[in-house]
Amino acid sequence: MPKAKSKVDFSTKNNILINNLHPGYRLPLTHGNVKELVSKVMDGEDCRIGEIVLNFVSDKAIRRINKQYLEHDFFTDIITFPYSDKRKNIEGEIFISLDTVKKNGKFYRSGYKGELRRVIIHGALHLAGYLDATKRQKELIRSKENFYLG
């Protein structure tokens, strides 16, 4: 019996590039798992992947990026740069601090791996057009994160 066809075009996973630039931490997820999470969000939000780059970095690196490009002088877990505004061809770059993700995983009791999954989904949702500046936007994006984690 043939398998049911998934809506995800797995060939687009080749358009998701992963760079672990952290000097000391390994990713607790495989590259395949990371690509699957991003693809799941893009498929669920009816977006097509042009090219998405995920960079896993240190706190020092993300603070430098935050200061240089966003004029914010503080640490954060994720910075997302959308390079397109077309849902049919999503292009962008995501920077994730593994240091902060690891700390937040302990603080929220979600674990390193669980917190990293949430942050990857959060970044993909930003690329799909979701914002988190207001209380209502934060509630919506959190709801979406929970949906994709489920």
N, C-alpha and C. Protein backbone atom coordinates (compact mmCIF):
# COMPACT_ATOMS: atom_id res chain seq x y z
N MET A 1 0.84 -1.17 0.00
CA MET A 1 0.00 0.00 0.00
C MET A 1 0.89 1.24 0.00
N PRO A 2 0.70 2.21 -0.93
CA PRO A 2 1.56 3.39 -0.97
C PRO A 2 1.31 4.30 0.23
N LYS A 3 2.37 4.98 0.64
CA LYS A 3 2.27 5.93 1.75
C LYS A 3 1.47 7.14 1.31
N ALA A 4 0.76 7.74 2.26
CA ALA A 4 0.04 8.98 1.97
C ALA A 4 1.07 10.06 1.67
N LYS A 5 0.77 10.89 0.69
CA LYS A 5 1.69 11.94 0.29
C LYS A 5 1.62 13.10 1.27
N SER A 6 2.77 13.55 1.73
CA SER A 6 2.86 14.70 2.62
C SER A 6 2.78 15.97 1.79
N LYS A 7 2.25 17.03 2.41
CA LYS A 7 2.21 18.32 1.74
C LYS A 7 3.60 18.94 1.63
N VAL A 8 4.53 18.49 2.47
CA VAL A 8 5.87 19.07 2.45
C VAL A 8 6.63 18.54 1.26
N ASP A 9 7.21 19.45 0.49
CA ASP A 9 8.09 19.07 -0.60
C ASP A 9 9.48 18.93 -0.01
N PHE A 10 9.89 17.71 0.27
CA PHE A 10 11.13 17.51 0.99
C PHE A 10 12.35 17.93 0.17
N SER A 11 12.21 18.14 -1.11
CA SER A 11 13.34 18.64 -1.89
C SER A 11 13.69 20.06 -1.48
N THR A 12 12.73 20.80 -0.89
CA THR A 12 13.02 22.16 -0.45
C THR A 12 13.92 22.15 0.78
N LYS A 13 14.05 21.01 1.43
CA LYS A 13 14.94 20.95 2.58
C LYS A 13 16.38 21.26 2.17
N ASN A 14 16.68 21.07 0.89
CA ASN A 14 18.01 21.42 0.39
C ASN A 14 18.22 22.93 0.40
N ASN A 15 17.14 23.68 0.52
CA ASN A 15 17.22 25.14 0.54
C ASN A 15 17.31 25.67 1.97
N ILE A 16 17.47 24.79 2.92
CA ILE A 16 17.65 25.17 4.33
C ILE A 16 19.09 24.84 4.69
N LEU A 17 19.85 25.88 4.95
CA LEU A 17 21.27 25.70 5.24
C LEU A 17 21.51 25.89 6.73
N ILE A 18 22.38 25.06 7.30
CA ILE A 18 22.62 25.08 8.74
C ILE A 18 24.11 25.27 9.00
N ASN A 19 24.42 26.26 9.84
CA ASN A 19 25.80 26.53 10.23
C ASN A 19 25.89 26.55 11.75
N ASN A 20 26.61 25.60 12.33
CA ASN A 20 26.87 25.67 13.77
C ASN A 20 28.19 26.41 13.94
N LEU A 21 28.09 27.69 14.28
CA LEU A 21 29.26 28.55 14.43
C LEU A 21 29.65 28.73 15.89
N HIS A 22 28.98 27.99 16.78
CA HIS A 22 29.30 28.10 18.21
C HIS A 22 30.63 27.40 18.47
N PRO A 23 31.52 28.06 19.20
CA PRO A 23 32.85 27.47 19.41
C PRO A 23 32.88 26.26 20.35
N GLY A 24 31.82 26.05 21.16
CA GLY A 24 31.89 24.97 22.13
C GLY A 24 30.72 24.02 22.20
N TYR A 25 29.57 24.40 21.68
CA TYR A 25 28.37 23.55 21.80
C TYR A 25 28.04 22.87 20.49
N ARG A 26 27.65 21.63 20.63
CA ARG A 26 27.10 20.89 19.49
C ARG A 26 25.59 21.06 19.50
N LEU A 27 25.00 20.90 18.35
CA LEU A 27 23.54 20.94 18.28
C LEU A 27 22.98 19.66 18.87
N PRO A 28 21.95 19.76 19.72
CA PRO A 28 21.33 18.55 20.27
C PRO A 28 20.32 17.93 19.30
N LEU A 29 20.15 18.55 18.14
CA LEU A 29 19.27 18.05 17.09
C LEU A 29 20.11 17.76 15.84
N THR A 30 19.67 16.81 15.05
CA THR A 30 20.36 16.57 13.79
C THR A 30 19.98 17.66 12.80
N HIS A 31 20.78 17.82 11.77
CA HIS A 31 20.45 18.79 10.72
C HIS A 31 19.11 18.42 10.09
N GLY A 32 18.85 17.13 9.96
CA GLY A 32 17.57 16.67 9.42
C GLY A 32 16.39 17.10 10.29
N ASN A 33 16.56 17.01 11.62
CA ASN A 33 15.50 17.46 12.54
C ASN A 33 15.25 18.95 12.41
N VAL A 34 16.32 19.74 12.29
CA VAL A 34 16.19 21.19 12.14
C VAL A 34 15.45 21.52 10.85
N LYS A 35 15.85 20.88 9.77
CA LYS A 35 15.21 21.12 8.47
C LYS A 35 13.74 20.71 8.50
N GLU A 36 13.46 19.61 9.18
CA GLU A 36 12.08 19.13 9.28
C GLU A 36 11.19 20.13 10.04
N LEU A 37 11.72 20.70 11.12
CA LEU A 37 10.96 21.70 11.89
C LEU A 37 10.63 22.92 11.02
N VAL A 38 11.64 23.43 10.34
CA VAL A 38 11.42 24.61 9.49
C VAL A 38 10.45 24.28 8.36
N SER A 39 10.62 23.14 7.74
CA SER A 39 9.74 22.73 6.64
C SER A 39 8.29 22.56 7.12
N LYS A 40 8.13 22.01 8.31
CA LYS A 40 6.79 21.81 8.88
C LYS A 40 6.07 23.14 9.06
N VAL A 41 6.79 24.15 9.57
CA VAL A 41 6.19 25.47 9.75
C VAL A 41 5.87 26.10 8.40
N MET A 42 6.80 26.05 7.49
CA MET A 42 6.57 26.67 6.17
C MET A 42 5.38 26.01 5.46
N ASP A 43 5.31 24.71 5.55
CA ASP A 43 4.20 23.99 4.94
C ASP A 43 2.88 24.35 5.62
N GLY A 44 2.89 24.37 6.94
CA GLY A 44 1.68 24.68 7.70
C GLY A 44 1.19 26.10 7.49
N GLU A 45 2.11 27.01 7.19
CA GLU A 45 1.75 28.41 6.97
C GLU A 45 1.59 28.72 5.48
N ASP A 46 1.60 27.67 4.66
CA ASP A 46 1.40 27.78 3.22
C ASP A 46 2.46 28.67 2.56
N CYS A 47 3.69 28.50 3.01
CA CYS A 47 4.82 29.27 2.47
C CYS A 47 5.75 28.32 1.73
N ARG A 48 6.44 28.84 0.75
CA ARG A 48 7.46 28.08 0.04
C ARG A 48 8.83 28.58 0.45
N ILE A 49 9.76 27.68 0.51
CA ILE A 49 11.11 28.03 0.92
C ILE A 49 11.93 28.40 -0.30
N GLY A 50 12.44 29.63 -0.29
CA GLY A 50 13.43 30.05 -1.29
C GLY A 50 14.78 29.57 -0.79
N GLU A 51 15.31 30.29 0.22
CA GLU A 51 16.52 29.85 0.91
C GLU A 51 16.48 30.40 2.33
N ILE A 52 16.70 29.51 3.28
CA ILE A 52 16.72 29.88 4.69
C ILE A 52 18.04 29.39 5.28
N VAL A 53 18.72 30.29 5.97
CA VAL A 53 19.99 29.95 6.60
C VAL A 53 19.80 30.06 8.11
N LEU A 54 20.14 29.00 8.83
CA LEU A 54 20.11 29.01 10.30
C LEU A 54 21.55 28.98 10.79
N ASN A 55 21.91 29.99 11.58
CA ASN A 55 23.24 30.09 12.16
C ASN A 55 23.13 29.93 13.67
N PHE A 56 23.82 28.95 14.20
CA PHE A 56 23.83 28.72 15.64
C PHE A 56 25.12 29.31 16.17
N VAL A 57 24.98 30.29 17.08
CA VAL A 57 26.11 31.10 17.51
C VAL A 57 26.18 31.18 19.03
N SER A 58 27.17 31.92 19.52
CA SER A 58 27.36 32.15 20.95
C SER A 58 26.63 33.43 21.38
N ASP A 59 26.53 33.62 22.70
CA ASP A 59 25.96 34.87 23.22
C ASP A 59 26.75 36.08 22.72
N LYS A 60 28.05 35.96 22.73
CA LYS A 60 28.92 37.06 22.29
C LYS A 60 28.60 37.45 20.84
N ALA A 61 28.45 36.47 19.99
CA ALA A 61 28.18 36.73 18.57
C ALA A 61 26.79 37.34 18.38
N ILE A 62 25.78 36.81 19.07
CA ILE A 62 24.43 37.34 18.87
C ILE A 62 24.29 38.75 19.43
N ARG A 63 25.01 39.04 20.49
CA ARG A 63 24.98 40.40 21.03
C ARG A 63 25.61 41.38 20.03
N ARG A 64 26.69 40.95 19.41
CA ARG A 64 27.35 41.78 18.40
C ARG A 64 26.41 42.04 17.21
N ILE A 65 25.73 41.01 16.76
CA ILE A 65 24.77 41.14 15.65
C ILE A 65 23.62 42.05 16.06
N ASN A 66 23.11 41.86 17.27
CA ASN A 66 22.00 42.65 17.79
C ASN A 66 22.38 44.13 17.84
N LYS A 67 23.58 44.40 18.29
CA LYS A 67 24.05 45.78 18.41
C LYS A 67 24.29 46.41 17.03
N GLN A 68 24.96 45.65 16.16
CA GLN A 68 25.33 46.17 14.85
C GLN A 68 24.14 46.41 13.94
N TYR A 69 23.19 45.49 13.89
CA TYR A 69 22.10 45.58 12.92
C TYR A 69 20.80 46.11 13.49
N LEU A 70 20.57 45.93 14.79
CA LEU A 70 19.31 46.35 15.39
C LEU A 70 19.48 47.45 16.43
N GLU A 71 20.73 47.81 16.71
CA GLU A 71 21.05 48.84 17.69
C GLU A 71 20.50 48.52 19.07
N HIS A 72 20.54 47.22 19.43
CA HIS A 72 20.15 46.74 20.75
C HIS A 72 21.40 46.17 21.40
N ASP A 73 21.76 46.66 22.57
CA ASP A 73 22.96 46.19 23.24
C ASP A 73 22.60 45.21 24.35
N PHE A 74 22.10 44.02 23.94
CA PHE A 74 21.78 42.98 24.91
C PHE A 74 21.77 41.62 24.24
N PHE A 75 21.81 40.59 25.09
CA PHE A 75 21.74 39.22 24.60
C PHE A 75 20.29 38.88 24.26
N THR A 76 20.11 37.95 23.37
CA THR A 76 18.79 37.43 23.03
C THR A 76 18.96 35.99 22.56
N ASP A 77 17.89 35.26 22.47
CA ASP A 77 18.00 33.88 22.02
C ASP A 77 17.99 33.78 20.49
N ILE A 78 17.30 34.72 19.83
CA ILE A 78 17.14 34.60 18.38
C ILE A 78 17.01 35.97 17.73
N ILE A 79 17.59 36.08 16.55
CA ILE A 79 17.41 37.24 15.69
C ILE A 79 17.09 36.70 14.31
N THR A 80 16.03 37.22 13.72
CA THR A 80 15.59 36.76 12.41
C THR A 80 15.64 37.91 11.42
N PHE A 81 16.23 37.66 10.27
CA PHE A 81 16.30 38.64 9.19
C PHE A 81 15.55 38.10 7.98
N PRO A 82 14.31 38.54 7.77
CA PRO A 82 13.61 38.13 6.55
C PRO A 82 14.17 38.91 5.36
N TYR A 83 14.48 38.21 4.27
CA TYR A 83 15.02 38.86 3.09
C TYR A 83 13.98 38.96 1.98
N SER A 84 12.78 38.47 2.25
CA SER A 84 11.71 38.59 1.26
C SER A 84 10.41 38.83 2.02
N ASP A 85 9.46 39.39 1.35
CA ASP A 85 8.15 39.60 1.98
C ASP A 85 7.07 38.83 1.23
N LYS A 86 7.51 37.86 0.46
CA LYS A 86 6.58 37.05 -0.31
C LYS A 86 6.44 35.69 0.35
N ARG A 87 5.22 35.35 0.73
CA ARG A 87 4.97 34.06 1.38
C ARG A 87 5.22 32.88 0.44
N LYS A 88 5.24 33.14 -0.82
CA LYS A 88 5.44 32.06 -1.77
C LYS A 88 6.91 31.78 -2.05
N ASN A 89 7.80 32.57 -1.49
CA ASN A 89 9.22 32.34 -1.69
C ASN A 89 9.98 32.94 -0.50
N ILE A 90 9.93 32.24 0.63
CA ILE A 90 10.53 32.73 1.86
C ILE A 90 12.05 32.63 1.79
N GLU A 91 12.69 33.76 2.04
CA GLU A 91 14.14 33.80 2.14
C GLU A 91 14.49 34.57 3.40
N GLY A 92 15.50 34.10 4.11
CA GLY A 92 15.90 34.79 5.31
C GLY A 92 17.01 34.08 6.04
N GLU A 93 17.43 34.72 7.11
CA GLU A 93 18.52 34.20 7.91
C GLU A 93 18.13 34.29 9.38
N ILE A 94 18.43 33.24 10.10
CA ILE A 94 18.11 33.15 11.52
C ILE A 94 19.41 32.92 12.29
N PHE A 95 19.60 33.72 13.35
CA PHE A 95 20.73 33.54 14.25
C PHE A 95 20.17 33.11 15.60
N ILE A 96 20.68 32.01 16.13
CA ILE A 96 20.21 31.49 17.41
C ILE A 96 21.40 31.33 18.34
N SER A 97 21.31 31.93 19.54
CA SER A 97 22.36 31.78 20.54
C SER A 97 22.15 30.49 21.31
N LEU A 98 23.06 29.55 21.12
CA LEU A 98 22.95 28.28 21.85
C LEU A 98 23.17 28.49 23.35
N ASP A 99 23.96 29.50 23.73
CA ASP A 99 24.16 29.79 25.15
C ASP A 99 22.83 30.16 25.81
N THR A 100 22.13 31.10 25.20
CA THR A 100 20.86 31.56 25.78
C THR A 100 19.80 30.47 25.72
N VAL A 101 19.77 29.72 24.64
CA VAL A 101 18.81 28.62 24.53
C VAL A 101 19.04 27.61 25.65
N LYS A 102 20.30 27.30 25.91
CA LYS A 102 20.62 26.33 26.96
C LYS A 102 20.18 26.86 28.33
N LYS A 103 20.48 28.15 28.61
CA LYS A 103 20.06 28.77 29.88
C LYS A 103 18.54 28.78 30.00
N ASN A 104 17.85 29.16 28.92
CA ASN A 104 16.38 29.22 28.94
C ASN A 104 15.77 27.84 29.10
N GLY A 105 16.39 26.85 28.52
CA GLY A 105 15.92 25.48 28.68
C GLY A 105 15.91 25.05 30.13
N LYS A 106 16.93 25.46 30.88
CA LYS A 106 16.97 25.17 32.32
C LYS A 106 15.93 26.00 33.06
N PHE A 107 15.87 27.30 32.75
CA PHE A 107 14.96 28.20 33.45
C PHE A 107 13.50 27.81 33.25
N TYR A 108 13.12 27.50 32.01
CA TYR A 108 11.72 27.14 31.70
C TYR A 108 11.44 25.65 31.86
N ARG A 109 12.47 24.90 32.24
CA ARG A 109 12.36 23.45 32.44
C ARG A 109 11.90 22.71 31.18
N SER A 110 12.31 23.26 30.05
CA SER A 110 11.97 22.62 28.77
C SER A 110 13.13 21.81 28.23
N GLY A 111 14.31 21.95 28.83
CA GLY A 111 15.50 21.26 28.37
C GLY A 111 16.12 21.96 27.17
N TYR A 112 17.38 21.68 26.95
CA TYR A 112 18.13 22.29 25.86
C TYR A 112 17.49 21.97 24.50
N LYS A 113 17.23 20.70 24.29
CA LYS A 113 16.67 20.25 23.02
C LYS A 113 15.25 20.81 22.80
N GLY A 114 14.42 20.76 23.82
CA GLY A 114 13.05 21.27 23.70
C GLY A 114 13.01 22.77 23.45
N GLU A 115 13.87 23.50 24.15
CA GLU A 115 13.92 24.95 23.96
C GLU A 115 14.45 25.29 22.57
N LEU A 116 15.42 24.55 22.10
CA LEU A 116 15.96 24.80 20.76
C LEU A 116 14.89 24.56 19.70
N ARG A 117 14.10 23.52 19.86
CA ARG A 117 13.01 23.26 18.92
C ARG A 117 12.04 24.44 18.89
N ARG A 118 11.68 24.96 20.07
CA ARG A 118 10.75 26.09 20.15
C ARG A 118 11.34 27.32 19.45
N VAL A 119 12.60 27.59 19.69
CA VAL A 119 13.22 28.79 19.11
C VAL A 119 13.35 28.67 17.59
N ILE A 120 13.66 27.49 17.09
CA ILE A 120 13.72 27.29 15.64
C ILE A 120 12.34 27.54 15.03
N ILE A 121 11.31 27.01 15.65
CA ILE A 121 9.93 27.23 15.17
C ILE A 121 9.59 28.71 15.24
N HIS A 122 9.98 29.37 16.32
CA HIS A 122 9.73 30.81 16.48
C HIS A 122 10.37 31.59 15.32
N GLY A 123 11.60 31.28 14.99
CA GLY A 123 12.28 31.95 13.88
C GLY A 123 11.60 31.71 12.55
N ALA A 124 11.17 30.47 12.33
CA ALA A 124 10.46 30.15 11.08
C ALA A 124 9.14 30.92 11.00
N LEU A 125 8.46 31.06 12.13
CA LEU A 125 7.21 31.83 12.15
C LEU A 125 7.46 33.30 11.84
N HIS A 126 8.57 33.84 12.34
CA HIS A 126 8.93 35.22 11.99
C HIS A 126 9.12 35.35 10.48
N LEU A 127 9.82 34.39 9.88
CA LEU A 127 10.02 34.43 8.42
C LEU A 127 8.70 34.33 7.67
N ALA A 128 7.74 33.62 8.26
CA ALA A 128 6.42 33.47 7.64
C ALA A 128 5.55 34.71 7.85
N GLY A 129 6.07 35.70 8.59
CA GLY A 129 5.35 36.96 8.72
C GLY A 129 4.79 37.28 10.09
N TYR A 130 4.96 36.38 11.06
CA TYR A 130 4.43 36.63 12.40
C TYR A 130 5.36 37.55 13.18
N LEU A 131 4.76 38.43 13.95
CA LEU A 131 5.50 39.37 14.78
C LEU A 131 5.24 39.07 16.25
N ASP A 132 6.02 39.69 17.13
CA ASP A 132 5.80 39.49 18.56
C ASP A 132 6.07 40.77 19.36
N ALA A 133 5.69 41.90 18.78
CA ALA A 133 5.92 43.20 19.43
C ALA A 133 4.83 43.54 20.45
N THR A 134 3.61 43.13 20.19
CA THR A 134 2.51 43.45 21.10
C THR A 134 2.09 42.20 21.88
N LYS A 135 1.29 42.43 22.90
CA LYS A 135 0.80 41.31 23.71
C LYS A 135 0.01 40.33 22.84
N ARG A 136 -0.85 40.85 21.99
CA ARG A 136 -1.67 40.00 21.11
C ARG A 136 -0.81 39.20 20.14
N GLN A 137 0.21 39.86 19.56
CA GLN A 137 1.12 39.17 18.64
C GLN A 137 1.90 38.08 19.36
N LYS A 138 2.33 38.37 20.59
CA LYS A 138 3.06 37.38 21.39
C LYS A 138 2.20 36.17 21.69
N GLU A 139 0.93 36.41 22.02
CA GLU A 139 0.02 35.31 22.29
C GLU A 139 -0.19 34.44 21.04
N LEU A 140 -0.32 35.08 19.90
CA LEU A 140 -0.54 34.34 18.65
C LEU A 140 0.69 33.52 18.28
N ILE A 141 1.87 34.12 18.35
CA ILE A 141 3.07 33.39 17.95
C ILE A 141 3.35 32.25 18.94
N ARG A 142 3.06 32.44 20.23
CA ARG A 142 3.23 31.39 21.22
C ARG A 142 2.27 30.24 20.94
N SER A 143 1.05 30.57 20.57
CA SER A 143 0.06 29.57 20.22
C SER A 143 0.51 28.75 19.01
N LYS A 144 1.06 29.45 18.03
CA LYS A 144 1.58 28.78 16.82
C LYS A 144 2.76 27.88 17.18
N GLU A 145 3.65 28.38 18.04
CA GLU A 145 4.79 27.55 18.48
C GLU A 145 4.29 26.25 19.12
N ASN A 146 3.33 26.37 20.02
CA ASN A 146 2.78 25.20 20.69
C ASN A 146 2.15 24.24 19.71
N PHE A 147 1.45 24.77 18.71
CA PHE A 147 0.85 23.95 17.69
C PHE A 147 1.91 23.13 16.96
N TYR A 148 2.99 23.79 16.52
CA TYR A 148 4.02 23.08 15.76
C TYR A 148 4.88 22.17 16.64
N LEU A 149 4.95 22.46 17.91
CA LEU A 149 5.66 21.56 18.82
C LEU A 149 4.85 20.29 19.08
N GLY A 150 3.52 20.43 18.98
CA GLY A 150 2.62 19.30 19.26
C GLY A 150 2.69 18.28 18.19
